[in-house]
Amino acid sequence: MDYFNAFWVGGLICALVQILLDKTKLLPGRVMVLLVCSGAVLSFLGFYQPFIEYAGAGASVPLLGFGNILWKGMKKAIDENGFLGLFTGGFTACAVGVSAALIFSYLASLIFHPKMKE
């Protein structure tokens, strides 16, 4: 049942984002920022962790989950370091994921030799 919940919740998030892109004039970059900020706000309000416990990777992998990770990192760093944690917490919490994305995209570019669109 865990896989099923992850599948339908992740699919629903993606479908809602696609509808948002199709029915509004929002650009993809703005929608991505909206998702990350929404994930952070939902985490601040305490709604996102129960959602992750129910849906697993279906809720933690999309950009909403990235906002959740940033919030968790900032909260932990603020508790440990005070005001300075506001600036360092998000970076430490997401460093592994961002680094992996950069490294794997670079390796993919070496293998597949992408070309610029003209």
PDB file of N, CA and C in Angstrom:
ATOM      1  N   MET A   1       0.809  -1.191   0.000  1.00  0.00           N
ATOM      2  CA  MET A   1       0.000   0.000   0.000  1.00  0.00           C
ATOM      3  C   MET A   1       0.864   1.272   0.000  1.00  0.00           C
ATOM      4  N   ASP A   2       2.087   1.178   0.554  1.00  0.00           N
ATOM      5  CA  ASP A   2       2.983   2.341   0.565  1.00  0.00           C
ATOM      6  C   ASP A   2       3.309   2.803  -0.850  1.00  0.00           C
ATOM      7  N   TYR A   3       3.588   1.847  -1.735  1.00  0.00           N
ATOM      8  CA  TYR A   3       3.920   2.192  -3.120  1.00  0.00           C
ATOM      9  C   TYR A   3       2.725   2.824  -3.821  1.00  0.00           C
ATOM     10  N   PHE A   4       1.548   2.291  -3.572  1.00  0.00           N
ATOM     11  CA  PHE A   4       0.340   2.820  -4.190  1.00  0.00           C
ATOM     12  C   PHE A   4       0.089   4.261  -3.745  1.00  0.00           C
ATOM     13  N   ASN A   5       0.215   4.516  -2.431  1.00  0.00           N
ATOM     14  CA  ASN A   5       0.006   5.878  -1.927  1.00  0.00           C
ATOM     15  C   ASN A   5       1.041   6.847  -2.481  1.00  0.00           C
ATOM     16  N   ALA A   6       2.291   6.417  -2.558  1.00  0.00           N
ATOM     17  CA  ALA A   6       3.334   7.272  -3.129  1.00  0.00           C
ATOM     18  C   ALA A   6       3.032   7.570  -4.589  1.00  0.00           C
ATOM     19  N   PHE A   7       2.558   6.555  -5.323  1.00  0.00           N
ATOM     20  CA  PHE A   7       2.277   6.728  -6.750  1.00  0.00           C
ATOM     21  C   PHE A   7       1.143   7.708  -6.981  1.00  0.00           C
ATOM     22  N   TRP A   8       0.016   7.520  -6.282  1.00  0.00           N
ATOM     23  CA  TRP A   8      -1.122   8.377  -6.583  1.00  0.00           C
ATOM     24  C   TRP A   8      -0.942   9.788  -6.033  1.00  0.00           C
ATOM     25  N   VAL A   9      -0.267   9.943  -4.892  1.00  0.00           N
ATOM     26  CA  VAL A   9      -0.045  11.291  -4.356  1.00  0.00           C
ATOM     27  C   VAL A   9       0.953  12.048  -5.232  1.00  0.00           C
ATOM     28  N   GLY A  10       2.046  11.412  -5.599  1.00  0.00           N
ATOM     29  CA  GLY A  10       3.020  12.059  -6.486  1.00  0.00           C
ATOM     30  C   GLY A  10       2.411  12.394  -7.832  1.00  0.00           C
ATOM     31  N   GLY A  11       1.610  11.491  -8.355  1.00  0.00           N
ATOM     32  CA  GLY A  11       0.924  11.744  -9.626  1.00  0.00           C
ATOM     33  C   GLY A  11      -0.064  12.889  -9.521  1.00  0.00           C
ATOM     34  N   LEU A  12      -0.775  12.963  -8.411  1.00  0.00           N
ATOM     35  CA  LEU A  12      -1.730  14.050  -8.205  1.00  0.00           C
ATOM     36  C   LEU A  12      -1.024  15.398  -8.120  1.00  0.00           C
ATOM     37  N   ILE A  13       0.101  15.435  -7.415  1.00  0.00           N
ATOM     38  CA  ILE A  13       0.877  16.680  -7.326  1.00  0.00           C
ATOM     39  C   ILE A  13       1.327  17.102  -8.720  1.00  0.00           C
ATOM     40  N   CYS A  14       1.854  16.166  -9.490  1.00  0.00           N
ATOM     41  CA  CYS A  14       2.320  16.483 -10.838  1.00  0.00           C
ATOM     42  C   CYS A  14       1.163  16.922 -11.737  1.00  0.00           C
ATOM     43  N   ALA A  15       0.018  16.266 -11.622  1.00  0.00           N
ATOM     44  CA  ALA A  15      -1.140  16.638 -12.433  1.00  0.00           C
ATOM     45  C   ALA A  15      -1.634  18.035 -12.078  1.00  0.00           C
ATOM     46  N   LEU A  16      -1.677  18.364 -10.788  1.00  0.00           N
ATOM     47  CA  LEU A  16      -2.115  19.699 -10.379  1.00  0.00           C
ATOM     48  C   LEU A  16      -1.152  20.779 -10.870  1.00  0.00           C
ATOM     49  N   VAL A  17       0.133  20.480 -10.828  1.00  0.00           N
ATOM     50  CA  VAL A  17       1.122  21.439 -11.332  1.00  0.00           C
ATOM     51  C   VAL A  17       0.972  21.605 -12.837  1.00  0.00           C
ATOM     52  N   GLN A  18       0.716  20.513 -13.555  1.00  0.00           N
ATOM     53  CA  GLN A  18       0.535  20.610 -15.002  1.00  0.00           C
ATOM     54  C   GLN A  18      -0.698  21.437 -15.342  1.00  0.00           C
ATOM     55  N   ILE A  19      -1.774  21.255 -14.587  1.00  0.00           N
ATOM     56  CA  ILE A  19      -2.977  22.064 -14.795  1.00  0.00           C
ATOM     57  C   ILE A  19      -2.671  23.537 -14.523  1.00  0.00           C
ATOM     58  N   LEU A  20      -1.915  23.805 -13.467  1.00  0.00           N
ATOM     59  CA  LEU A  20      -1.519  25.175 -13.147  1.00  0.00           C
ATOM     60  C   LEU A  20      -0.715  25.795 -14.291  1.00  0.00           C
ATOM     61  N   LEU A  21       0.186  25.029 -14.857  1.00  0.00           N
ATOM     62  CA  LEU A  21       0.983  25.533 -15.980  1.00  0.00           C
ATOM     63  C   LEU A  21       0.124  25.769 -17.218  1.00  0.00           C
ATOM     64  N   ASP A  22      -0.826  24.876 -17.469  1.00  0.00           N
ATOM     65  CA  ASP A  22      -1.650  24.978 -18.677  1.00  0.00           C
ATOM     66  C   ASP A  22      -2.713  26.066 -18.584  1.00  0.00           C
ATOM     67  N   LYS A  23      -3.288  26.276 -17.424  1.00  0.00           N
ATOM     68  CA  LYS A  23      -4.437  27.169 -17.283  1.00  0.00           C
ATOM     69  C   LYS A  23      -4.074  28.589 -16.836  1.00  0.00           C
ATOM     70  N   THR A  24      -2.832  28.815 -16.448  1.00  0.00           N
ATOM     71  CA  THR A  24      -2.413  30.155 -16.046  1.00  0.00           C
ATOM     72  C   THR A  24      -1.270  30.605 -16.938  1.00  0.00           C
ATOM     73  N   LYS A  25      -0.884  31.841 -16.771  1.00  0.00           N
ATOM     74  CA  LYS A  25       0.246  32.373 -17.540  1.00  0.00           C
ATOM     75  C   LYS A  25       1.545  32.331 -16.740  1.00  0.00           C
ATOM     76  N   LEU A  26       1.543  31.543 -15.645  1.00  0.00           N
ATOM     77  CA  LEU A  26       2.753  31.423 -14.836  1.00  0.00           C
ATOM     78  C   LEU A  26       3.825  30.660 -15.603  1.00  0.00           C
ATOM     79  N   LEU A  27       5.025  31.141 -15.529  1.00  0.00           N
ATOM     80  CA  LEU A  27       6.155  30.463 -16.166  1.00  0.00           C
ATOM     81  C   LEU A  27       6.632  29.324 -15.271  1.00  0.00           C
ATOM     82  N   PRO A  28       7.277  28.304 -15.848  1.00  0.00           N
ATOM     83  CA  PRO A  28       7.715  27.152 -15.052  1.00  0.00           C
ATOM     84  C   PRO A  28       8.606  27.515 -13.869  1.00  0.00           C
ATOM     85  N   GLY A  29       9.478  28.478 -14.027  1.00  0.00           N
ATOM     86  CA  GLY A  29      10.348  28.871 -12.922  1.00  0.00           C
ATOM     87  C   GLY A  29       9.560  29.420 -11.745  1.00  0.00           C
ATOM     88  N   ARG A  30       8.535  30.186 -12.037  1.00  0.00           N
ATOM     89  CA  ARG A  30       7.711  30.737 -10.963  1.00  0.00           C
ATOM     90  C   ARG A  30       6.886  29.659 -10.277  1.00  0.00           C
ATOM     91  N   VAL A  31       6.440  28.686 -11.047  1.00  0.00           N
ATOM     92  CA  VAL A  31       5.693  27.575 -10.451  1.00  0.00           C
ATOM     93  C   VAL A  31       6.612  26.759  -9.545  1.00  0.00           C
ATOM     94  N   MET A  32       7.859  26.569  -9.964  1.00  0.00           N
ATOM     95  CA  MET A  32       8.806  25.830  -9.135  1.00  0.00           C
ATOM     96  C   MET A  32       9.063  26.561  -7.818  1.00  0.00           C
ATOM     97  N   VAL A  33       9.226  27.872  -7.883  1.00  0.00           N
ATOM     98  CA  VAL A  33       9.430  28.650  -6.667  1.00  0.00           C
ATOM     99  C   VAL A  33       8.186  28.577  -5.783  1.00  0.00           C
ATOM    100  N   LEU A  34       7.016  28.630  -6.398  1.00  0.00           N
ATOM    101  CA  LEU A  34       5.764  28.516  -5.655  1.00  0.00           C
ATOM    102  C   LEU A  34       5.676  27.173  -4.925  1.00  0.00           C
ATOM    103  N   LEU A  35       6.111  26.102  -5.572  1.00  0.00           N
ATOM    104  CA  LEU A  35       6.084  24.780  -4.949  1.00  0.00           C
ATOM    105  C   LEU A  35       7.043  24.690  -3.764  1.00  0.00           C
ATOM    106  N   VAL A  36       8.249  25.186  -3.938  1.00  0.00           N
ATOM    107  CA  VAL A  36       9.229  25.129  -2.847  1.00  0.00           C
ATOM    108  C   VAL A  36       8.746  25.965  -1.660  1.00  0.00           C
ATOM    109  N   CYS A  37       8.253  27.159  -1.936  1.00  0.00           N
ATOM    110  CA  CYS A  37       7.757  28.014  -0.845  1.00  0.00           C
ATOM    111  C   CYS A  37       6.531  27.396  -0.183  1.00  0.00           C
ATOM    112  N   SER A  38       5.656  26.788  -0.969  1.00  0.00           N
ATOM    113  CA  SER A  38       4.473  26.126  -0.399  1.00  0.00           C
ATOM    114  C   SER A  38       4.880  24.973   0.514  1.00  0.00           C
ATOM    115  N   GLY A  39       5.878  24.210   0.102  1.00  0.00           N
ATOM    116  CA  GLY A  39       6.367  23.116   0.939  1.00  0.00           C
ATOM    117  C   GLY A  39       6.931  23.617   2.257  1.00  0.00           C
ATOM    118  N   ALA A  40       7.650  24.744   2.204  1.00  0.00           N
ATOM    119  CA  ALA A  40       8.213  25.314   3.432  1.00  0.00           C
ATOM    120  C   ALA A  40       7.101  25.844   4.349  1.00  0.00           C
ATOM    121  N   VAL A  41       6.105  26.487   3.766  1.00  0.00           N
ATOM    122  CA  VAL A  41       5.006  27.030   4.579  1.00  0.00           C
ATOM    123  C   VAL A  41       4.184  25.898   5.189  1.00  0.00           C
ATOM    124  N   LEU A  42       3.894  24.860   4.388  1.00  0.00           N
ATOM    125  CA  LEU A  42       3.148  23.723   4.919  1.00  0.00           C
ATOM    126  C   LEU A  42       3.922  23.026   6.033  1.00  0.00           C
ATOM    127  N   SER A  43       5.241  22.986   5.918  1.00  0.00           N
ATOM    128  CA  SER A  43       6.069  22.400   6.974  1.00  0.00           C
ATOM    129  C   SER A  43       6.032  23.258   8.222  1.00  0.00           C
ATOM    130  N   PHE A  44       6.098  24.563   8.044  1.00  0.00           N
ATOM    131  CA  PHE A  44       6.024  25.489   9.176  1.00  0.00           C
ATOM    132  C   PHE A  44       4.702  25.328   9.924  1.00  0.00           C
ATOM    133  N   LEU A  45       3.623  25.145   9.180  1.00  0.00           N
ATOM    134  CA  LEU A  45       2.306  24.986   9.798  1.00  0.00           C
ATOM    135  C   LEU A  45       2.080  23.601  10.394  1.00  0.00           C
ATOM    136  N   GLY A  46       3.003  22.660  10.090  1.00  0.00           N
ATOM    137  CA  GLY A  46       2.910  21.318  10.656  1.00  0.00           C
ATOM    138  C   GLY A  46       2.071  20.348   9.851  1.00  0.00           C
ATOM    139  N   PHE A  47       1.701  20.719   8.632  1.00  0.00           N
ATOM    140  CA  PHE A  47       0.861  19.861   7.805  1.00  0.00           C
ATOM    141  C   PHE A  47       1.654  18.888   6.936  1.00  0.00           C
ATOM    142  N   TYR A  48       2.916  19.200   6.643  1.00  0.00           N
ATOM    143  CA  TYR A  48       3.629  18.412   5.633  1.00  0.00           C
ATOM    144  C   TYR A  48       4.188  17.095   6.163  1.00  0.00           C
ATOM    145  N   GLN A  49       4.621  17.049   7.411  1.00  0.00           N
ATOM    146  CA  GLN A  49       5.183  15.802   7.943  1.00  0.00           C
ATOM    147  C   GLN A  49       4.155  14.668   7.977  1.00  0.00           C
ATOM    148  N   PRO A  50       2.921  14.891   8.438  1.00  0.00           N
ATOM    149  CA  PRO A  50       1.925  13.810   8.350  1.00  0.00           C
ATOM    150  C   PRO A  50       1.648  13.391   6.906  1.00  0.00           C
ATOM    151  N   PHE A  51       1.725  14.360   6.003  1.00  0.00           N
ATOM    152  CA  PHE A  51       1.534  14.071   4.572  1.00  0.00           C
ATOM    153  C   PHE A  51       2.644  13.149   4.061  1.00  0.00           C
ATOM    154  N   ILE A  52       3.886  13.400   4.490  1.00  0.00           N
ATOM    155  CA  ILE A  52       5.011  12.546   4.092  1.00  0.00           C
ATOM    156  C   ILE A  52       4.877  11.154   4.706  1.00  0.00           C
ATOM    157  N   GLU A  53       4.433  11.094   5.943  1.00  0.00           N
ATOM    158  CA  GLU A  53       4.247   9.787   6.586  1.00  0.00           C
ATOM    159  C   GLU A  53       3.198   8.958   5.859  1.00  0.00           C
ATOM    160  N   TYR A  54       2.199   9.601   5.282  1.00  0.00           N
ATOM    161  CA  TYR A  54       1.168   8.887   4.533  1.00  0.00           C
ATOM    162  C   TYR A  54       1.646   8.509   3.134  1.00  0.00           C
ATOM    163  N   ALA A  55       2.246   9.468   2.424  1.00  0.00           N
ATOM    164  CA  ALA A  55       2.554   9.259   1.006  1.00  0.00           C
ATOM    165  C   ALA A  55       4.002   8.885   0.735  1.00  0.00           C
ATOM    166  N   GLY A  56       4.890   8.977   1.693  1.00  0.00           N
ATOM    167  CA  GLY A  56       6.287   8.600   1.487  1.00  0.00           C
ATOM    168  C   GLY A  56       6.946   9.426   0.395  1.00  0.00           C
ATOM    169  N   ALA A  57       7.571   8.736  -0.555  1.00  0.00           N
ATOM    170  CA  ALA A  57       8.306   9.406  -1.623  1.00  0.00           C
ATOM    171  C   ALA A  57       7.396  10.208  -2.539  1.00  0.00           C
ATOM    172  N   GLY A  58       6.108   9.884  -2.576  1.00  0.00           N
ATOM    173  CA  GLY A  58       5.180  10.654  -3.386  1.00  0.00           C
ATOM    174  C   GLY A  58       5.053  12.086  -2.909  1.00  0.00           C
ATOM    175  N   ALA A  59       5.345  12.325  -1.642  1.00  0.00           N
ATOM    176  CA  ALA A  59       5.283  13.680  -1.093  1.00  0.00           C
ATOM    177  C   ALA A  59       6.662  14.271  -0.853  1.00  0.00           C
ATOM    178  N   SER A  60       7.677  13.442  -0.654  1.00  0.00           N
ATOM    179  CA  SER A  60       8.995  13.983  -0.321  1.00  0.00           C
ATOM    180  C   SER A  60       9.867  14.242  -1.539  1.00  0.00           C
ATOM    181  N   VAL A  61       9.583  13.616  -2.672  1.00  0.00           N
ATOM    182  CA  VAL A  61      10.426  13.789  -3.849  1.00  0.00           C
ATOM    183  C   VAL A  61      10.086  15.040  -4.662  1.00  0.00           C
ATOM    184  N   PRO A  62       8.804  15.405  -4.844  1.00  0.00           N
ATOM    185  CA  PRO A  62       8.526  16.631  -5.619  1.00  0.00           C
ATOM    186  C   PRO A  62       9.086  17.872  -4.941  1.00  0.00           C
ATOM    187  N   LEU A  63       8.994  19.000  -5.623  1.00  0.00           N
ATOM    188  CA  LEU A  63       9.562  20.238  -5.100  1.00  0.00           C
ATOM    189  C   LEU A  63       8.940  20.678  -3.783  1.00  0.00           C
ATOM    190  N   LEU A  64       7.734  20.249  -3.500  1.00  0.00           N
ATOM    191  CA  LEU A  64       7.161  20.530  -2.188  1.00  0.00           C
ATOM    192  C   LEU A  64       8.041  19.927  -1.090  1.00  0.00           C
ATOM    193  N   GLY A  65       8.568  18.742  -1.340  1.00  0.00           N
ATOM    194  CA  GLY A  65       9.454  18.080  -0.385  1.00  0.00           C
ATOM    195  C   GLY A  65      10.762  18.827  -0.205  1.00  0.00           C
ATOM    196  N   PHE A  66      11.232  19.495  -1.264  1.00  0.00           N
ATOM    197  CA  PHE A  66      12.459  20.287  -1.160  1.00  0.00           C
ATOM    198  C   PHE A  66      12.237  21.457  -0.202  1.00  0.00           C
ATOM    199  N   GLY A  67      11.081  22.084  -0.292  1.00  0.00           N
ATOM    200  CA  GLY A  67      10.748  23.149   0.646  1.00  0.00           C
ATOM    201  C   GLY A  67      10.685  22.638   2.073  1.00  0.00           C
ATOM    202  N   ASN A  68      10.159  21.415   2.237  1.00  0.00           N
ATOM    203  CA  ASN A  68      10.110  20.791   3.556  1.00  0.00           C
ATOM    204  C   ASN A  68      11.513  20.572   4.111  1.00  0.00           C
ATOM    205  N   ILE A  69      12.413  20.094   3.289  1.00  0.00           N
ATOM    206  CA  ILE A  69      13.800  19.865   3.721  1.00  0.00           C
ATOM    207  C   ILE A  69      14.464  21.188   4.114  1.00  0.00           C
ATOM    208  N   LEU A  70      14.246  22.228   3.317  1.00  0.00           N
ATOM    209  CA  LEU A  70      14.819  23.529   3.657  1.00  0.00           C
ATOM    210  C   LEU A  70      14.298  24.017   5.008  1.00  0.00           C
ATOM    211  N   TRP A  71      13.003  23.864   5.246  1.00  0.00           N
ATOM    212  CA  TRP A  71      12.427  24.312   6.514  1.00  0.00           C
ATOM    213  C   TRP A  71      13.004  23.511   7.682  1.00  0.00           C
ATOM    214  N   LYS A  72      13.087  22.191   7.528  1.00  0.00           N
ATOM    215  CA  LYS A  72      13.629  21.369   8.609  1.00  0.00           C
ATOM    216  C   LYS A  72      15.064  21.775   8.938  1.00  0.00           C
ATOM    217  N   GLY A  73      15.864  22.000   7.906  1.00  0.00           N
ATOM    218  CA  GLY A  73      17.250  22.403   8.119  1.00  0.00           C
ATOM    219  C   GLY A  73      17.354  23.746   8.804  1.00  0.00           C
ATOM    220  N   MET A  74      16.517  24.695   8.392  1.00  0.00           N
ATOM    221  CA  MET A  74      16.547  26.016   9.029  1.00  0.00           C
ATOM    222  C   MET A  74      16.083  25.933  10.475  1.00  0.00           C
ATOM    223  N   LYS A  75      15.058  25.149  10.726  1.00  0.00           N
ATOM    224  CA  LYS A  75      14.549  25.031  12.099  1.00  0.00           C
ATOM    225  C   LYS A  75      15.612  24.430  13.022  1.00  0.00           C
ATOM    226  N   LYS A  76      16.274  23.382  12.541  1.00  0.00           N
ATOM    227  CA  LYS A  76      17.317  22.736  13.342  1.00  0.00           C
ATOM    228  C   LYS A  76      18.486  23.697  13.593  1.00  0.00           C
ATOM    229  N   ALA A  77      18.906  24.390  12.549  1.00  0.00           N
ATOM    230  CA  ALA A  77      20.037  25.301  12.686  1.00  0.00           C
ATOM    231  C   ALA A  77      19.692  26.497  13.575  1.00  0.00           C
ATOM    232  N   ILE A  78      18.457  26.973  13.508  1.00  0.00           N
ATOM    233  CA  ILE A  78      18.052  28.080  14.377  1.00  0.00           C
ATOM    234  C   ILE A  78      18.050  27.624  15.829  1.00  0.00           C
ATOM    235  N   ASP A  79      17.592  26.405  16.083  1.00  0.00           N
ATOM    236  CA  ASP A  79      17.603  25.878  17.448  1.00  0.00           C
ATOM    237  C   ASP A  79      19.023  25.741  17.990  1.00  0.00           C
ATOM    238  N   GLU A  80      19.965  25.376  17.107  1.00  0.00           N
ATOM    239  CA  GLU A  80      21.342  25.165  17.548  1.00  0.00           C
ATOM    240  C   GLU A  80      22.166  26.452  17.574  1.00  0.00           C
ATOM    241  N   ASN A  81      22.010  27.304  16.545  1.00  0.00           N
ATOM    242  CA  ASN A  81      22.890  28.458  16.374  1.00  0.00           C
ATOM    243  C   ASN A  81      22.195  29.805  16.517  1.00  0.00           C
ATOM    244  N   GLY A  82      20.941  29.813  16.795  1.00  0.00           N
ATOM    245  CA  GLY A  82      20.219  31.077  16.908  1.00  0.00           C
ATOM    246  C   GLY A  82      19.968  31.710  15.552  1.00  0.00           C
ATOM    247  N   PHE A  83      20.031  33.027  15.508  1.00  0.00           N
ATOM    248  CA  PHE A  83      19.706  33.789  14.300  1.00  0.00           C
ATOM    249  C   PHE A  83      20.563  33.403  13.101  1.00  0.00           C
ATOM    250  N   LEU A  84      21.817  33.058  13.334  1.00  0.00           N
ATOM    251  CA  LEU A  84      22.714  32.686  12.239  1.00  0.00           C
ATOM    252  C   LEU A  84      22.229  31.431  11.514  1.00  0.00           C
ATOM    253  N   GLY A  85      21.535  30.561  12.213  1.00  0.00           N
ATOM    254  CA  GLY A  85      21.004  29.353  11.604  1.00  0.00           C
ATOM    255  C   GLY A  85      19.994  29.622  10.511  1.00  0.00           C
ATOM    256  N   LEU A  86      19.392  30.808  10.549  1.00  0.00           N
ATOM    257  CA  LEU A  86      18.448  31.198   9.504  1.00  0.00           C
ATOM    258  C   LEU A  86      19.122  31.207   8.135  1.00  0.00           C
ATOM    259  N   PHE A  87      20.400  31.541   8.103  1.00  0.00           N
ATOM    260  CA  PHE A  87      21.137  31.646   6.847  1.00  0.00           C
ATOM    261  C   PHE A  87      21.875  30.367   6.474  1.00  0.00           C
ATOM    262  N   THR A  88      22.201  29.525   7.448  1.00  0.00           N
ATOM    263  CA  THR A  88      23.006  28.342   7.158  1.00  0.00           C
ATOM    264  C   THR A  88      22.205  27.050   7.091  1.00  0.00           C
ATOM    265  N   GLY A  89      21.057  27.000   7.752  1.00  0.00           N
ATOM    266  CA  GLY A  89      20.311  25.749   7.881  1.00  0.00           C
ATOM    267  C   GLY A  89      19.842  25.146   6.575  1.00  0.00           C
ATOM    268  N   GLY A  90      19.295  25.965   5.690  1.00  0.00           N
ATOM    269  CA  GLY A  90      18.800  25.446   4.423  1.00  0.00           C
ATOM    270  C   GLY A  90      19.905  24.871   3.553  1.00  0.00           C
ATOM    271  N   PHE A  91      21.063  25.530   3.590  1.00  0.00           N
ATOM    272  CA  PHE A  91      22.184  25.054   2.776  1.00  0.00           C
ATOM    273  C   PHE A  91      22.700  23.699   3.259  1.00  0.00           C
ATOM    274  N   THR A  92      22.816  23.548   4.566  1.00  0.00           N
ATOM    275  CA  THR A  92      23.331  22.280   5.084  1.00  0.00           C
ATOM    276  C   THR A  92      22.336  21.153   4.873  1.00  0.00           C
ATOM    277  N   ALA A  93      21.057  21.448   4.982  1.00  0.00           N
ATOM    278  CA  ALA A  93      20.050  20.396   4.851  1.00  0.00           C
ATOM    279  C   ALA A  93      19.936  19.863   3.431  1.00  0.00           C
ATOM    280  N   CYS A  94      20.126  20.720   2.445  1.00  0.00           N
ATOM    281  CA  CYS A  94      19.908  20.274   1.060  1.00  0.00           C
ATOM    282  C   CYS A  94      21.200  20.099   0.276  1.00  0.00           C
ATOM    283  N   ALA A  95      22.342  20.224   0.923  1.00  0.00           N
ATOM    284  CA  ALA A  95      23.621  20.184   0.207  1.00  0.00           C
ATOM    285  C   ALA A  95      23.837  18.869  -0.536  1.00  0.00           C
ATOM    286  N   VAL A  96      23.491  17.756   0.079  1.00  0.00           N
ATOM    287  CA  VAL A  96      23.727  16.453  -0.557  1.00  0.00           C
ATOM    288  C   VAL A  96      22.867  16.310  -1.814  1.00  0.00           C
ATOM    289  N   GLY A  97      21.598  16.668  -1.723  1.00  0.00           N
ATOM    290  CA  GLY A  97      20.701  16.541  -2.873  1.00  0.00           C
ATOM    291  C   GLY A  97      21.088  17.438  -4.024  1.00  0.00           C
ATOM    292  N   VAL A  98      21.428  18.677  -3.719  1.00  0.00           N
ATOM    293  CA  VAL A  98      21.822  19.615  -4.767  1.00  0.00           C
ATOM    294  C   VAL A  98      23.148  19.184  -5.393  1.00  0.00           C
ATOM    295  N   SER A  99      24.084  18.751  -4.569  1.00  0.00           N
ATOM    296  CA  SER A  99      25.375  18.288  -5.093  1.00  0.00           C
ATOM    297  C   SER A  99      25.193  17.074  -5.997  1.00  0.00           C
ATOM    298  N   ALA A 100      24.365  16.130  -5.580  1.00  0.00           N
ATOM    299  CA  ALA A 100      24.120  14.941  -6.400  1.00  0.00           C
ATOM    300  C   ALA A 100      23.485  15.331  -7.729  1.00  0.00           C
ATOM    301  N   ALA A 101      22.527  16.264  -7.710  1.00  0.00           N
ATOM    302  CA  ALA A 101      21.891  16.698  -8.951  1.00  0.00           C
ATOM    303  C   ALA A 101      22.904  17.328  -9.897  1.00  0.00           C
ATOM    304  N   LEU A 102      23.791  18.158  -9.360  1.00  0.00           N
ATOM    305  CA  LEU A 102      24.801  18.793 -10.208  1.00  0.00           C
ATOM    306  C   LEU A 102      25.787  17.774 -10.778  1.00  0.00           C
ATOM    307  N   ILE A 103      26.249  16.869  -9.945  1.00  0.00           N
ATOM    308  CA  ILE A 103      27.234  15.872 -10.392  1.00  0.00           C
ATOM    309  C   ILE A 103      26.632  14.947 -11.438  1.00  0.00           C
ATOM    310  N   PHE A 104      25.423  14.424 -11.173  1.00  0.00           N
ATOM    311  CA  PHE A 104      24.817  13.495 -12.127  1.00  0.00           C
ATOM    312  C   PHE A 104      24.433  14.189 -13.429  1.00  0.00           C
ATOM    313  N   SER A 105      24.011  15.473 -13.374  1.00  0.00           N
ATOM    314  CA  SER A 105      23.714  16.157 -14.633  1.00  0.00           C
ATOM    315  C   SER A 105      24.980  16.400 -15.446  1.00  0.00           C
ATOM    316  N   TYR A 106      26.071  16.698 -14.747  1.00  0.00           N
ATOM    317  CA  TYR A 106      27.321  16.883 -15.466  1.00  0.00           C
ATOM    318  C   TYR A 106      27.765  15.576 -16.119  1.00  0.00           C
ATOM    319  N   LEU A 107      27.676  14.481 -15.392  1.00  0.00           N
ATOM    320  CA  LEU A 107      28.039  13.180 -15.968  1.00  0.00           C
ATOM    321  C   LEU A 107      27.138  12.830 -17.155  1.00  0.00           C
ATOM    322  N   ALA A 108      25.852  13.117 -17.045  1.00  0.00           N
ATOM    323  CA  ALA A 108      24.945  12.857 -18.160  1.00  0.00           C
ATOM    324  C   ALA A 108      25.320  13.698 -19.377  1.00  0.00           C
ATOM    325  N   SER A 109      25.747  14.935 -19.145  1.00  0.00           N
ATOM    326  CA  SER A 109      26.145  15.781 -20.277  1.00  0.00           C
ATOM    327  C   SER A 109      27.406  15.258 -20.947  1.00  0.00           C
ATOM    328  N   LEU A 110      28.302  14.640 -20.173  1.00  0.00           N
ATOM    329  CA  LEU A 110      29.503  14.051 -20.776  1.00  0.00           C
ATOM    330  C   LEU A 110      29.162  12.832 -21.619  1.00  0.00           C
ATOM    331  N   ILE A 111      28.179  12.063 -21.185  1.00  0.00           N
ATOM    332  CA  ILE A 111      27.806  10.840 -21.896  1.00  0.00           C
ATOM    333  C   ILE A 111      26.984  11.146 -23.142  1.00  0.00           C
ATOM    334  N   PHE A 112      26.019  12.054 -23.042  1.00  0.00           N
ATOM    335  CA  PHE A 112      25.065  12.260 -24.130  1.00  0.00           C
ATOM    336  C   PHE A 112      25.356  13.460 -25.013  1.00  0.00           C
ATOM    337  N   HIS A 113      26.331  14.272 -24.702  1.00  0.00           N
ATOM    338  CA  HIS A 113      26.742  15.423 -25.527  1.00  0.00           C
ATOM    339  C   HIS A 113      25.551  16.277 -25.963  1.00  0.00           C
ATOM    340  N   PRO A 114      24.922  16.994 -25.064  1.00  0.00           N
ATOM    341  CA  PRO A 114      23.749  17.795 -25.442  1.00  0.00           C
ATOM    342  C   PRO A 114      24.137  18.960 -26.359  1.00  0.00           C
ATOM    343  N   LYS A 115      23.204  19.361 -27.186  1.00  0.00           N
ATOM    344  CA  LYS A 115      23.417  20.473 -28.106  1.00  0.00           C
ATOM    345  C   LYS A 115      22.471  21.609 -27.723  1.00  0.00           C
ATOM    346  N   MET A 116      22.872  22.834 -27.990  1.00  0.00           N
ATOM    347  CA  MET A 116      22.019  23.991 -27.742  1.00  0.00           C
ATOM    348  C   MET A 116      20.955  24.078 -28.832  1.00  0.00           C
ATOM    349  N   LYS A 117      19.746  24.486 -28.455  1.00  0.00           N
ATOM    350  CA  LYS A 117      18.689  24.688 -29.445  1.00  0.00           C
ATOM    351  C   LYS A 117      18.955  25.976 -30.184  1.00  0.00           C
ATOM    352  N   GLU A 118      18.623  25.970 -31.470  1.00  0.00           N
ATOM    353  CA  GLU A 118      18.844  27.190 -32.274  1.00  0.00           C
ATOM    354  C   GLU A 118      17.548  27.802 -32.690  1.00  0.00           C
TER     355      GLU A 118
END
